[in-house]
PDB file of N, CA and C in Angstrom:
ATOM      1  N   MET A   1       9.965 -26.882 -71.822  1.00  0.00           N
ATOM      2  CA  MET A   1       9.394 -25.593 -71.487  1.00  0.00           C
ATOM      3  C   MET A   1      10.198 -24.533 -72.233  1.00  0.00           C
ATOM      4  N   THR A   2       9.466 -23.650 -72.824  1.00  0.00           N
ATOM      5  CA  THR A   2      10.099 -22.617 -73.631  1.00  0.00           C
ATOM      6  C   THR A   2      10.638 -21.528 -72.713  1.00  0.00           C
ATOM      7  N   PRO A   3      11.563 -20.756 -73.232  1.00  0.00           N
ATOM      8  CA  PRO A   3      12.093 -19.673 -72.413  1.00  0.00           C
ATOM      9  C   PRO A   3      11.007 -18.694 -71.978  1.00  0.00           C
ATOM     10  N   GLU A   4      10.023 -18.463 -72.845  1.00  0.00           N
ATOM     11  CA  GLU A   4       8.944 -17.548 -72.463  1.00  0.00           C
ATOM     12  C   GLU A   4       8.124 -18.125 -71.325  1.00  0.00           C
ATOM     13  N   GLU A   5       7.858 -19.429 -71.364  1.00  0.00           N
ATOM     14  CA  GLU A   5       7.090 -20.071 -70.292  1.00  0.00           C
ATOM     15  C   GLU A   5       7.868 -20.015 -68.973  1.00  0.00           C
ATOM     16  N   ARG A   6       9.155 -20.269 -69.091  1.00  0.00           N
ATOM     17  CA  ARG A   6      10.001 -20.186 -67.891  1.00  0.00           C
ATOM     18  C   ARG A   6       9.989 -18.773 -67.330  1.00  0.00           C
ATOM     19  N   PHE A   7      10.102 -17.798 -68.228  1.00  0.00           N
ATOM     20  CA  PHE A   7      10.092 -16.392 -67.808  1.00  0.00           C
ATOM     21  C   PHE A   7       8.753 -16.059 -67.146  1.00  0.00           C
ATOM     22  N   THR A   8       7.632 -16.494 -67.734  1.00  0.00           N
ATOM     23  CA  THR A   8       6.303 -16.235 -67.177  1.00  0.00           C
ATOM     24  C   THR A   8       6.171 -16.900 -65.809  1.00  0.00           C
ATOM     25  N   LYS A   9       6.662 -18.132 -65.718  1.00  0.00           N
ATOM     26  CA  LYS A   9       6.593 -18.853 -64.443  1.00  0.00           C
ATOM     27  C   LYS A   9       7.402 -18.119 -63.372  1.00  0.00           C
ATOM     28  N   ILE A  10       8.587 -17.676 -63.714  1.00  0.00           N
ATOM     29  CA  ILE A  10       9.437 -16.927 -62.771  1.00  0.00           C
ATOM     30  C   ILE A  10       8.770 -15.614 -62.394  1.00  0.00           C
ATOM     31  N   GLU A  11       8.203 -14.951 -63.401  1.00  0.00           N
ATOM     32  CA  GLU A  11       7.534 -13.685 -63.162  1.00  0.00           C
ATOM     33  C   GLU A  11       6.340 -13.877 -62.221  1.00  0.00           C
ATOM     34  N   ASN A  12       5.558 -14.920 -62.410  1.00  0.00           N
ATOM     35  CA  ASN A  12       4.415 -15.215 -61.531  1.00  0.00           C
ATOM     36  C   ASN A  12       4.886 -15.544 -60.115  1.00  0.00           C
ATOM     37  N   ALA A  13       5.964 -16.280 -60.014  1.00  0.00           N
ATOM     38  CA  ALA A  13       6.507 -16.628 -58.697  1.00  0.00           C
ATOM     39  C   ALA A  13       6.968 -15.366 -57.965  1.00  0.00           C
ATOM     40  N   ILE A  14       7.642 -14.481 -58.697  1.00  0.00           N
ATOM     41  CA  ILE A  14       8.103 -13.215 -58.091  1.00  0.00           C
ATOM     42  C   ILE A  14       6.899 -12.383 -57.661  1.00  0.00           C
ATOM     43  N   HIS A  15       5.865 -12.347 -58.480  1.00  0.00           N
ATOM     44  CA  HIS A  15       4.656 -11.587 -58.148  1.00  0.00           C
ATOM     45  C   HIS A  15       4.002 -12.170 -56.883  1.00  0.00           C
ATOM     46  N   ALA A  16       3.889 -13.492 -56.817  1.00  0.00           N
ATOM     47  CA  ALA A  16       3.294 -14.153 -55.651  1.00  0.00           C
ATOM     48  C   ALA A  16       4.124 -13.860 -54.394  1.00  0.00           C
ATOM     49  N   LEU A  17       5.444 -13.922 -54.528  1.00  0.00           N
ATOM     50  CA  LEU A  17       6.327 -13.627 -53.393  1.00  0.00           C
ATOM     51  C   LEU A  17       6.184 -12.183 -52.950  1.00  0.00           C
ATOM     52  N   THR A  18       6.049 -11.281 -53.911  1.00  0.00           N
ATOM     53  CA  THR A  18       5.888  -9.859 -53.595  1.00  0.00           C
ATOM     54  C   THR A  18       4.593  -9.631 -52.819  1.00  0.00           C
ATOM     55  N   GLU A  19       3.506 -10.277 -53.278  1.00  0.00           N
ATOM     56  CA  GLU A  19       2.226 -10.149 -52.574  1.00  0.00           C
ATOM     57  C   GLU A  19       2.315 -10.732 -51.162  1.00  0.00           C
ATOM     58  N   THR A  20       2.943 -11.880 -51.044  1.00  0.00           N
ATOM     59  CA  THR A  20       3.102 -12.508 -49.727  1.00  0.00           C
ATOM     60  C   THR A  20       3.929 -11.608 -48.808  1.00  0.00           C
ATOM     61  N   GLN A  21       4.992 -11.046 -49.339  1.00  0.00           N
ATOM     62  CA  GLN A  21       5.841 -10.146 -48.552  1.00  0.00           C
ATOM     63  C   GLN A  21       5.065  -8.904 -48.119  1.00  0.00           C
ATOM     64  N   ALA A  22       4.224  -8.380 -49.004  1.00  0.00           N
ATOM     65  CA  ALA A  22       3.419  -7.197 -48.675  1.00  0.00           C
ATOM     66  C   ALA A  22       2.435  -7.523 -47.554  1.00  0.00           C
ATOM     67  N   ARG A  23       1.805  -8.701 -47.623  1.00  0.00           N
ATOM     68  CA  ARG A  23       0.890  -9.111 -46.542  1.00  0.00           C
ATOM     69  C   ARG A  23       1.646  -9.250 -45.222  1.00  0.00           C
ATOM     70  N   HIS A  24       2.799  -9.861 -45.289  1.00  0.00           N
ATOM     71  CA  HIS A  24       3.614 -10.023 -44.075  1.00  0.00           C
ATOM     72  C   HIS A  24       4.028  -8.666 -43.500  1.00  0.00           C
ATOM     73  N   ASP A  25       4.414  -7.753 -44.393  1.00  0.00           N
ATOM     74  CA  ASP A  25       4.790  -6.406 -43.948  1.00  0.00           C
ATOM     75  C   ASP A  25       3.614  -5.726 -43.245  1.00  0.00           C
ATOM     76  N   THR A  26       2.406  -5.906 -43.816  1.00  0.00           N
ATOM     77  CA  THR A  26       1.209  -5.317 -43.207  1.00  0.00           C
ATOM     78  C   THR A  26       0.949  -5.947 -41.843  1.00  0.00           C
ATOM     79  N   GLN A  27       1.059  -7.278 -41.773  1.00  0.00           N
ATOM     80  CA  GLN A  27       0.845  -7.975 -40.501  1.00  0.00           C
ATOM     81  C   GLN A  27       1.881  -7.549 -39.464  1.00  0.00           C
ATOM     82  N   ILE A  28       3.127  -7.458 -39.891  1.00  0.00           N
ATOM     83  CA  ILE A  28       4.198  -7.046 -38.964  1.00  0.00           C
ATOM     84  C   ILE A  28       3.965  -5.618 -38.503  1.00  0.00           C
ATOM     85  N   GLY A  29       3.544  -4.741 -39.418  1.00  0.00           N
ATOM     86  CA  GLY A  29       3.239  -3.359 -39.037  1.00  0.00           C
ATOM     87  C   GLY A  29       2.130  -3.316 -37.991  1.00  0.00           C
ATOM     88  N   GLY A  30       1.089  -4.132 -38.169  1.00  0.00           N
ATOM     89  CA  GLY A  30       0.008  -4.207 -37.182  1.00  0.00           C
ATOM     90  C   GLY A  30       0.500  -4.722 -35.849  1.00  0.00           C
ATOM     91  N   LEU A  31       1.364  -5.727 -35.898  1.00  0.00           N
ATOM     92  CA  LEU A  31       1.919  -6.281 -34.659  1.00  0.00           C
ATOM     93  C   LEU A  31       2.783  -5.249 -33.936  1.00  0.00           C
ATOM     94  N   ILE A  32       3.560  -4.507 -34.714  1.00  0.00           N
ATOM     95  CA  ILE A  32       4.416  -3.465 -34.119  1.00  0.00           C
ATOM     96  C   ILE A  32       3.545  -2.405 -33.451  1.00  0.00           C
ATOM     97  N   THR A  33       2.448  -2.040 -34.110  1.00  0.00           N
ATOM     98  CA  THR A  33       1.531  -1.055 -33.529  1.00  0.00           C
ATOM     99  C   THR A  33       0.941  -1.582 -32.220  1.00  0.00           C
ATOM    100  N   GLN A  34       0.544  -2.851 -32.214  1.00  0.00           N
ATOM    101  CA  GLN A  34       0.009  -3.458 -30.999  1.00  0.00           C
ATOM    102  C   GLN A  34       1.048  -3.464 -29.881  1.00  0.00           C
ATOM    103  N   VAL A  35       2.272  -3.837 -30.214  1.00  0.00           N
ATOM    104  CA  VAL A  35       3.344  -3.868 -29.219  1.00  0.00           C
ATOM    105  C   VAL A  35       3.606  -2.467 -28.669  1.00  0.00           C
ATOM    106  N   GLU A  36       3.604  -1.475 -29.550  1.00  0.00           N
ATOM    107  CA  GLU A  36       3.812  -0.091 -29.108  1.00  0.00           C
ATOM    108  C   GLU A  36       2.697   0.349 -28.167  1.00  0.00           C
ATOM    109  N   LYS A  37       1.443  -0.011 -28.487  1.00  0.00           N
ATOM    110  CA  LYS A  37       0.321   0.325 -27.610  1.00  0.00           C
ATOM    111  C   LYS A  37       0.467  -0.390 -26.267  1.00  0.00           C
ATOM    112  N   GLN A  38       0.864  -1.657 -26.309  1.00  0.00           N
ATOM    113  CA  GLN A  38       1.055  -2.403 -25.065  1.00  0.00           C
ATOM    114  C   GLN A  38       2.172  -1.790 -24.232  1.00  0.00           C
ATOM    115  N   ASN A  39       3.245  -1.395 -24.904  1.00  0.00           N
ATOM    116  CA  ASN A  39       4.351  -0.763 -24.176  1.00  0.00           C
ATOM    117  C   ASN A  39       3.904   0.540 -23.523  1.00  0.00           C
ATOM    118  N   ALA A  40       3.098   1.309 -24.238  1.00  0.00           N
ATOM    119  CA  ALA A  40       2.590   2.559 -23.672  1.00  0.00           C
ATOM    120  C   ALA A  40       1.705   2.260 -22.473  1.00  0.00           C
ATOM    121  N   GLY A  41       0.872   1.228 -22.585  1.00  0.00           N
ATOM    122  CA  GLY A  41       0.026   0.826 -21.461  1.00  0.00           C
ATOM    123  C   GLY A  41       0.851   0.372 -20.268  1.00  0.00           C
ATOM    124  N   ILE A  42       1.903  -0.372 -20.533  1.00  0.00           N
ATOM    125  CA  ILE A  42       2.785  -0.853 -19.462  1.00  0.00           C
ATOM    126  C   ILE A  42       3.479   0.323 -18.785  1.00  0.00           C
ATOM    127  N   GLU A  43       3.926   1.282 -19.572  1.00  0.00           N
ATOM    128  CA  GLU A  43       4.570   2.464 -18.997  1.00  0.00           C
ATOM    129  C   GLU A  43       3.590   3.233 -18.107  1.00  0.00           C
ATOM    130  N   LYS A  44       2.345   3.331 -18.556  1.00  0.00           N
ATOM    131  CA  LYS A  44       1.314   4.012 -17.764  1.00  0.00           C
ATOM    132  C   LYS A  44       1.083   3.255 -16.455  1.00  0.00           C
ATOM    133  N   GLN A  45       1.015   1.925 -16.545  1.00  0.00           N
ATOM    134  CA  GLN A  45       0.833   1.109 -15.347  1.00  0.00           C
ATOM    135  C   GLN A  45       2.022   1.258 -14.406  1.00  0.00           C
ATOM    136  N   ASN A  46       3.226   1.282 -14.954  1.00  0.00           N
ATOM    137  CA  ASN A  46       4.418   1.451 -14.126  1.00  0.00           C
ATOM    138  C   ASN A  46       4.395   2.783 -13.391  1.00  0.00           C
ATOM    139  N   ALA A  47       3.935   3.831 -14.089  1.00  0.00           N
ATOM    140  CA  ALA A  47       3.834   5.141 -13.444  1.00  0.00           C
ATOM    141  C   ALA A  47       2.819   5.081 -12.307  1.00  0.00           C
ATOM    142  N   GLY A  48       1.704   4.401 -12.532  1.00  0.00           N
ATOM    143  CA  GLY A  48       0.696   4.234 -11.487  1.00  0.00           C
ATOM    144  C   GLY A  48       1.232   3.442 -10.310  1.00  0.00           C
ATOM    145  N   ILE A  49       1.995   2.408 -10.602  1.00  0.00           N
ATOM    146  CA  ILE A  49       2.586   1.584  -9.543  1.00  0.00           C
ATOM    147  C   ILE A  49       3.568   2.410  -8.728  1.00  0.00           C
ATOM    148  N   GLU A  50       4.372   3.210  -9.390  1.00  0.00           N
ATOM    149  CA  GLU A  50       5.327   4.064  -8.669  1.00  0.00           C
ATOM    150  C   GLU A  50       4.593   5.049  -7.757  1.00  0.00           C
ATOM    151  N   LYS A  51       3.491   5.579  -8.258  1.00  0.00           N
ATOM    152  CA  LYS A  51       2.684   6.505  -7.453  1.00  0.00           C
ATOM    153  C   LYS A  51       2.140   5.777  -6.222  1.00  0.00           C
ATOM    154  N   GLN A  52       1.649   4.555  -6.430  1.00  0.00           N
ATOM    155  CA  GLN A  52       1.136   3.767  -5.309  1.00  0.00           C
ATOM    156  C   GLN A  52       2.255   3.423  -4.331  1.00  0.00           C
ATOM    157  N   ASN A  53       3.426   3.099  -4.850  1.00  0.00           N
ATOM    158  CA  ASN A  53       4.565   2.801  -3.970  1.00  0.00           C
ATOM    159  C   ASN A  53       4.909   4.005  -3.105  1.00  0.00           C
ATOM    160  N   GLY A  54       4.851   5.203  -3.693  1.00  0.00           N
ATOM    161  CA  GLY A  54       5.098   6.419  -2.916  1.00  0.00           C
ATOM    162  C   GLY A  54       4.061   6.576  -1.813  1.00  0.00           C
ATOM    163  N   GLY A  55       2.796   6.309  -2.153  1.00  0.00           N
ATOM    164  CA  GLY A  55       1.735   6.381  -1.152  1.00  0.00           C
ATOM    165  C   GLY A  55       1.948   5.359  -0.042  1.00  0.00           C
ATOM    166  N   ILE A  56       2.387   4.167  -0.405  1.00  0.00           N
ATOM    167  CA  ILE A  56       2.644   3.115   0.587  1.00  0.00           C
ATOM    168  C   ILE A  56       3.789   3.537   1.505  1.00  0.00           C
ATOM    169  N   ARG A  57       4.831   4.117   0.924  1.00  0.00           N
ATOM    170  CA  ARG A  57       5.950   4.586   1.761  1.00  0.00           C
ATOM    171  C   ARG A  57       5.474   5.656   2.743  1.00  0.00           C
ATOM    172  N   ASP A  58       4.627   6.568   2.265  1.00  0.00           N
ATOM    173  CA  ASP A  58       4.080   7.606   3.148  1.00  0.00           C
ATOM    174  C   ASP A  58       3.244   6.978   4.261  1.00  0.00           C
ATOM    175  N   LEU A  59       2.443   5.971   3.907  1.00  0.00           N
ATOM    176  CA  LEU A  59       1.624   5.301   4.921  1.00  0.00           C
ATOM    177  C   LEU A  59       2.488   4.587   5.959  1.00  0.00           C
ATOM    178  N   ILE A  60       3.600   4.018   5.530  1.00  0.00           N
ATOM    179  CA  ILE A  60       4.501   3.348   6.463  1.00  0.00           C
ATOM    180  C   ILE A  60       5.032   4.347   7.477  1.00  0.00           C
ATOM    181  N   VAL A  61       5.384   5.536   7.006  1.00  0.00           N
ATOM    182  CA  VAL A  61       5.877   6.584   7.922  1.00  0.00           C
ATOM    183  C   VAL A  61       4.782   6.957   8.922  1.00  0.00           C
ATOM    184  N   VAL A  62       3.553   7.110   8.425  1.00  0.00           N
ATOM    185  CA  VAL A  62       2.438   7.463   9.312  1.00  0.00           C
ATOM    186  C   VAL A  62       2.193   6.348  10.321  1.00  0.00           C
ATOM    187  N   ILE A  63       2.224   5.112   9.876  1.00  0.00           N
ATOM    188  CA  ILE A  63       1.993   3.975  10.774  1.00  0.00           C
ATOM    189  C   ILE A  63       3.064   3.914  11.850  1.00  0.00           C
ATOM    190  N   ARG A  64       4.311   4.132  11.471  1.00  0.00           N
ATOM    191  CA  ARG A  64       5.383   4.134  12.475  1.00  0.00           C
ATOM    192  C   ARG A  64       5.168   5.236  13.498  1.00  0.00           C
ATOM    193  N   THR A  65       4.762   6.404  13.022  1.00  0.00           N
ATOM    194  CA  THR A  65       4.484   7.519  13.928  1.00  0.00           C
ATOM    195  C   THR A  65       3.349   7.155  14.879  1.00  0.00           C
ATOM    196  N   LEU A  66       2.293   6.560  14.334  1.00  0.00           N
ATOM    197  CA  LEU A  66       1.163   6.153  15.177  1.00  0.00           C
ATOM    198  C   LEU A  66       1.569   5.081  16.181  1.00  0.00           C
ATOM    199  N   MET A  67       2.395   4.145  15.744  1.00  0.00           N
ATOM    200  CA  MET A  67       2.855   3.085  16.658  1.00  0.00           C
ATOM    201  C   MET A  67       3.664   3.678  17.805  1.00  0.00           C
ATOM    202  N   ASP A  68       4.512   4.641  17.497  1.00  0.00           N
ATOM    203  CA  ASP A  68       5.284   5.313  18.543  1.00  0.00           C
ATOM    204  C   ASP A  68       4.354   6.035  19.512  1.00  0.00           C
ATOM    205  N   ALA A  69       3.341   6.709  18.952  1.00  0.00           N
ATOM    206  CA  ALA A  69       2.393   7.442  19.797  1.00  0.00           C
ATOM    207  C   ALA A  69       1.609   6.483  20.686  1.00  0.00           C
ATOM    208  N   VAL A  70       1.191   5.351  20.133  1.00  0.00           N
ATOM    209  CA  VAL A  70       0.450   4.359  20.920  1.00  0.00           C
ATOM    210  C   VAL A  70       1.343   3.784  22.013  1.00  0.00           C
ATOM    211  N   SER A  71       2.587   3.542  21.689  1.00  0.00           N
ATOM    212  CA  SER A  71       3.527   3.026  22.687  1.00  0.00           C
ATOM    213  C   SER A  71       3.692   4.012  23.832  1.00  0.00           C
ATOM    214  N   LYS A  72       3.865   5.290  23.496  1.00  0.00           N
ATOM    215  CA  LYS A  72       4.002   6.318  24.534  1.00  0.00           C
ATOM    216  C   LYS A  72       2.712   6.439  25.333  1.00  0.00           C
ATOM    217  N   LEU A  73       1.573   6.328  24.651  1.00  0.00           N
ATOM    218  CA  LEU A  73       0.285   6.392  25.335  1.00  0.00           C
ATOM    219  C   LEU A  73       0.150   5.234  26.317  1.00  0.00           C
ATOM    220  N   GLY A  74       0.597   4.060  25.903  1.00  0.00           N
ATOM    221  CA  GLY A  74       0.570   2.895  26.799  1.00  0.00           C
ATOM    222  C   GLY A  74       1.413   3.136  28.037  1.00  0.00           C
ATOM    223  N   GLU A  75       2.587   3.711  27.839  1.00  0.00           N
ATOM    224  CA  GLU A  75       3.448   4.027  28.986  1.00  0.00           C
ATOM    225  C   GLU A  75       2.771   5.037  29.909  1.00  0.00           C
ATOM    226  N   THR A  76       2.130   6.049  29.314  1.00  0.00           N
ATOM    227  CA  THR A  76       1.445   7.076  30.100  1.00  0.00           C
ATOM    228  C   THR A  76       0.286   6.470  30.878  1.00  0.00           C
ATOM    229  N   VAL A  77      -0.475   5.581  30.250  1.00  0.00           N
ATOM    230  CA  VAL A  77      -1.592   4.925  30.935  1.00  0.00           C
ATOM    231  C   VAL A  77      -1.067   4.098  32.109  1.00  0.00           C
ATOM    232  N   ALA A  78       0.038   3.408  31.912  1.00  0.00           N
ATOM    233  CA  ALA A  78       0.631   2.624  33.001  1.00  0.00           C
ATOM    234  C   ALA A  78       1.043   3.537  34.152  1.00  0.00           C
ATOM    235  N   GLU A  79       1.650   4.672  33.819  1.00  0.00           N
ATOM    236  CA  GLU A  79       2.057   5.633  34.855  1.00  0.00           C
ATOM    237  C   GLU A  79       0.836   6.186  35.582  1.00  0.00           C
ATOM    238  N   LEU A  80      -0.221   6.489  34.823  1.00  0.00           N
ATOM    239  CA  LEU A  80      -1.445   6.988  35.446  1.00  0.00           C
ATOM    240  C   LEU A  80      -2.072   5.924  36.348  1.00  0.00           C
ATOM    241  N   GLY A  81      -1.995   4.670  35.936  1.00  0.00           N
ATOM    242  CA  GLY A  81      -2.499   3.569  36.763  1.00  0.00           C
ATOM    243  C   GLY A  81      -1.770   3.508  38.090  1.00  0.00           C
ATOM    244  N   GLU A  82      -0.459   3.647  38.034  1.00  0.00           N
ATOM    245  CA  GLU A  82       0.337   3.659  39.273  1.00  0.00           C
ATOM    246  C   GLU A  82      -0.027   4.858  40.137  1.00  0.00           C
ATOM    247  N   ALA A  83      -0.173   6.017  39.501  1.00  0.00           N
ATOM    248  CA  ALA A  83      -0.528   7.226  40.241  1.00  0.00           C
ATOM    249  C   ALA A  83      -1.917   7.058  40.865  1.00  0.00           C
ATOM    250  N   GLN A  84      -2.848   6.460  40.135  1.00  0.00           N
ATOM    251  CA  GLN A  84      -4.197   6.229  40.666  1.00  0.00           C
ATOM    252  C   GLN A  84      -4.150   5.270  41.840  1.00  0.00           C
ATOM    253  N   LYS A  85      -3.295   4.278  41.766  1.00  0.00           N
ATOM    254  CA  LYS A  85      -3.145   3.314  42.869  1.00  0.00           C
ATOM    255  C   LYS A  85      -2.676   4.038  44.125  1.00  0.00           C
ATOM    256  N   HIS A  86      -1.694   4.917  43.986  1.00  0.00           N
ATOM    257  CA  HIS A  86      -1.195   5.676  45.149  1.00  0.00           C
ATOM    258  C   HIS A  86      -2.271   6.625  45.668  1.00  0.00           C
ATOM    259  N   THR A  87      -3.031   7.240  44.731  1.00  0.00           N
ATOM    260  CA  THR A  87      -4.112   8.143  45.144  1.00  0.00           C
ATOM    261  C   THR A  87      -5.181   7.364  45.911  1.00  0.00           C
ATOM    262  N   ASP A  88      -5.516   6.175  45.432  1.00  0.00           N
ATOM    263  CA  ASP A  88      -6.501   5.342  46.132  1.00  0.00           C
ATOM    264  C   ASP A  88      -6.017   4.982  47.532  1.00  0.00           C
ATOM    265  N   GLU A  89      -4.737   4.632  47.646  1.00  0.00           N
ATOM    266  CA  GLU A  89      -4.178   4.291  48.960  1.00  0.00           C
ATOM    267  C   GLU A  89      -4.263   5.493  49.908  1.00  0.00           C
ATOM    268  N   LYS A  90      -3.908   6.669  49.420  1.00  0.00           N
ATOM    269  CA  LYS A  90      -3.966   7.876  50.250  1.00  0.00           C
ATOM    270  C   LYS A  90      -5.408   8.212  50.622  1.00  0.00           C
ATOM    271  N   LEU A  91      -6.351   8.062  49.665  1.00  0.00           N
ATOM    272  CA  LEU A  91      -7.753   8.328  49.936  1.00  0.00           C
ATOM    273  C   LEU A  91      -8.285   7.363  50.989  1.00  0.00           C
ATOM    274  N   ASN A  92      -7.918   6.086  50.889  1.00  0.00           N
ATOM    275  CA  ASN A  92      -8.349   5.103  51.895  1.00  0.00           C
ATOM    276  C   ASN A  92      -7.791   5.455  53.266  1.00  0.00           C
ATOM    277  N   ALA A  93      -6.529   5.879  53.305  1.00  0.00           N
ATOM    278  CA  ALA A  93      -5.937   6.266  54.586  1.00  0.00           C
ATOM    279  C   ALA A  93      -6.664   7.477  55.156  1.00  0.00           C
ATOM    280  N   LEU A  94      -6.994   8.440  54.315  1.00  0.00           N
ATOM    281  CA  LEU A  94      -7.723   9.630  54.755  1.00  0.00           C
ATOM    282  C   LEU A  94      -9.111   9.255  55.269  1.00  0.00           C
ATOM    283  N   MET A  95      -9.786   8.374  54.542  1.00  0.00           N
ATOM    284  CA  MET A  95     -11.119   7.938  54.975  1.00  0.00           C
ATOM    285  C   MET A  95     -11.035   7.208  56.310  1.00  0.00           C
ATOM    286  N   ASP A  96     -10.015   6.395  56.506  1.00  0.00           N
ATOM    287  CA  ASP A  96      -9.835   5.715  57.794  1.00  0.00           C
ATOM    288  C   ASP A  96      -9.607   6.730  58.909  1.00  0.00           C
ATOM    289  N   THR A  97      -8.791   7.744  58.635  1.00  0.00           N
ATOM    290  CA  THR A  97      -8.504   8.774  59.637  1.00  0.00           C
ATOM    291  C   THR A  97      -9.778   9.536  59.992  1.00  0.00           C
ATOM    292  N   VAL A  98     -10.540   9.955  58.975  1.00  0.00           N
ATOM    293  CA  VAL A  98     -11.788  10.677  59.216  1.00  0.00           C
ATOM    294  C   VAL A  98     -12.760   9.785  59.983  1.00  0.00           C
ATOM    295  N   ASP A  99     -12.842   8.525  59.620  1.00  0.00           N
ATOM    296  CA  ASP A  99     -13.736   7.588  60.297  1.00  0.00           C
ATOM    297  C   ASP A  99     -13.347   7.448  61.765  1.00  0.00           C
ATOM    298  N   ARG A 100     -12.056   7.331  62.060  1.00  0.00           N
ATOM    299  CA  ARG A 100     -11.602   7.235  63.460  1.00  0.00           C
ATOM    300  C   ARG A 100     -11.943   8.500  64.234  1.00  0.00           C
ATOM    301  N   ILE A 101     -11.733   9.644  63.576  1.00  0.00           N
ATOM    302  CA  ILE A 101     -12.026  10.916  64.248  1.00  0.00           C
ATOM    303  C   ILE A 101     -13.521  10.999  64.559  1.00  0.00           C
ATOM    304  N   LEU A 102     -14.341  10.620  63.596  1.00  0.00           N
ATOM    305  CA  LEU A 102     -15.787  10.660  63.807  1.00  0.00           C
ATOM    306  C   LEU A 102     -16.222   9.688  64.896  1.00  0.00           C
ATOM    307  N   ARG A 103     -15.625   8.535  64.966  1.00  0.00           N
ATOM    308  CA  ARG A 103     -15.966   7.551  66.007  1.00  0.00           C
ATOM    309  C   ARG A 103     -15.595   8.077  67.386  1.00  0.00           C
ATOM    310  N   LYS A 104     -14.436   8.693  67.460  1.00  0.00           N
ATOM    311  CA  LYS A 104     -14.010   9.245  68.743  1.00  0.00           C
ATOM    312  C   LYS A 104     -14.972  10.344  69.167  1.00  0.00           C
ATOM    313  N   GLY A 105     -15.397  11.203  68.195  1.00  0.00           N
ATOM    314  CA  GLY A 105     -16.336  12.271  68.496  1.00  0.00           C
ATOM    315  C   GLY A 105     -17.683  11.695  68.913  1.00  0.00           C
ATOM    316  N   ASN A 106     -18.144  10.672  68.316  1.00  0.00           N
ATOM    317  CA  ASN A 106     -19.432  10.041  68.651  1.00  0.00           C
ATOM    318  C   ASN A 106     -19.332   9.327  70.000  1.00  0.00           C
ATOM    319  N   ALA A 107     -18.158   8.787  70.276  1.00  0.00           N
ATOM    320  CA  ALA A 107     -17.971   8.086  71.548  1.00  0.00           C
ATOM    321  C   ALA A 107     -18.029   9.067  72.701  1.00  0.00           C
ATOM    322  N   ARG A 108     -17.541  10.271  72.553  1.00  0.00           N
ATOM    323  CA  ARG A 108     -17.546  11.282  73.610  1.00  0.00           C
ATOM    324  C   ARG A 108     -18.958  11.814  73.852  1.00  0.00           C
ATOM    325  N   GLU A 109     -19.739  11.910  72.783  1.00  0.00           N
ATOM    326  CA  GLU A 109     -21.079  12.443  72.905  1.00  0.00           C
ATOM    327  C   GLU A 109     -22.018  11.420  73.531  1.00  0.00           C
ATOM    328  N   GLY A 110     -21.752  10.167  73.371  1.00  0.00           N
ATOM    329  CA  GLY A 110     -22.669   9.141  73.813  1.00  0.00           C
ATOM    330  C   GLY A 110     -22.432   8.694  75.162  1.00  0.00           C
TER     331      GLY A 110
END
């Protein structure tokens, strides 16, 4: 092989390598762009998740408040039940007293 042929062969190899490198650079640039877009999307999703987490924390506070209110309401209902029981007992005693008084009054008239 003559020096010129060797030079041409080397020159063609360098040209082929340059073209291959340029294609790879283009592909890598496209991949980098895709990764950057994905990263931006992930950051947007993370911001949305943080917003949702804040909403969940707020809901937990509301739920705890409601649970406390329901617990107090349950206690109040129990107290009212006891009070109603005593009221019923007093009403029954009053009705018995009125009934006895009426019977005595009817017994005198008859």
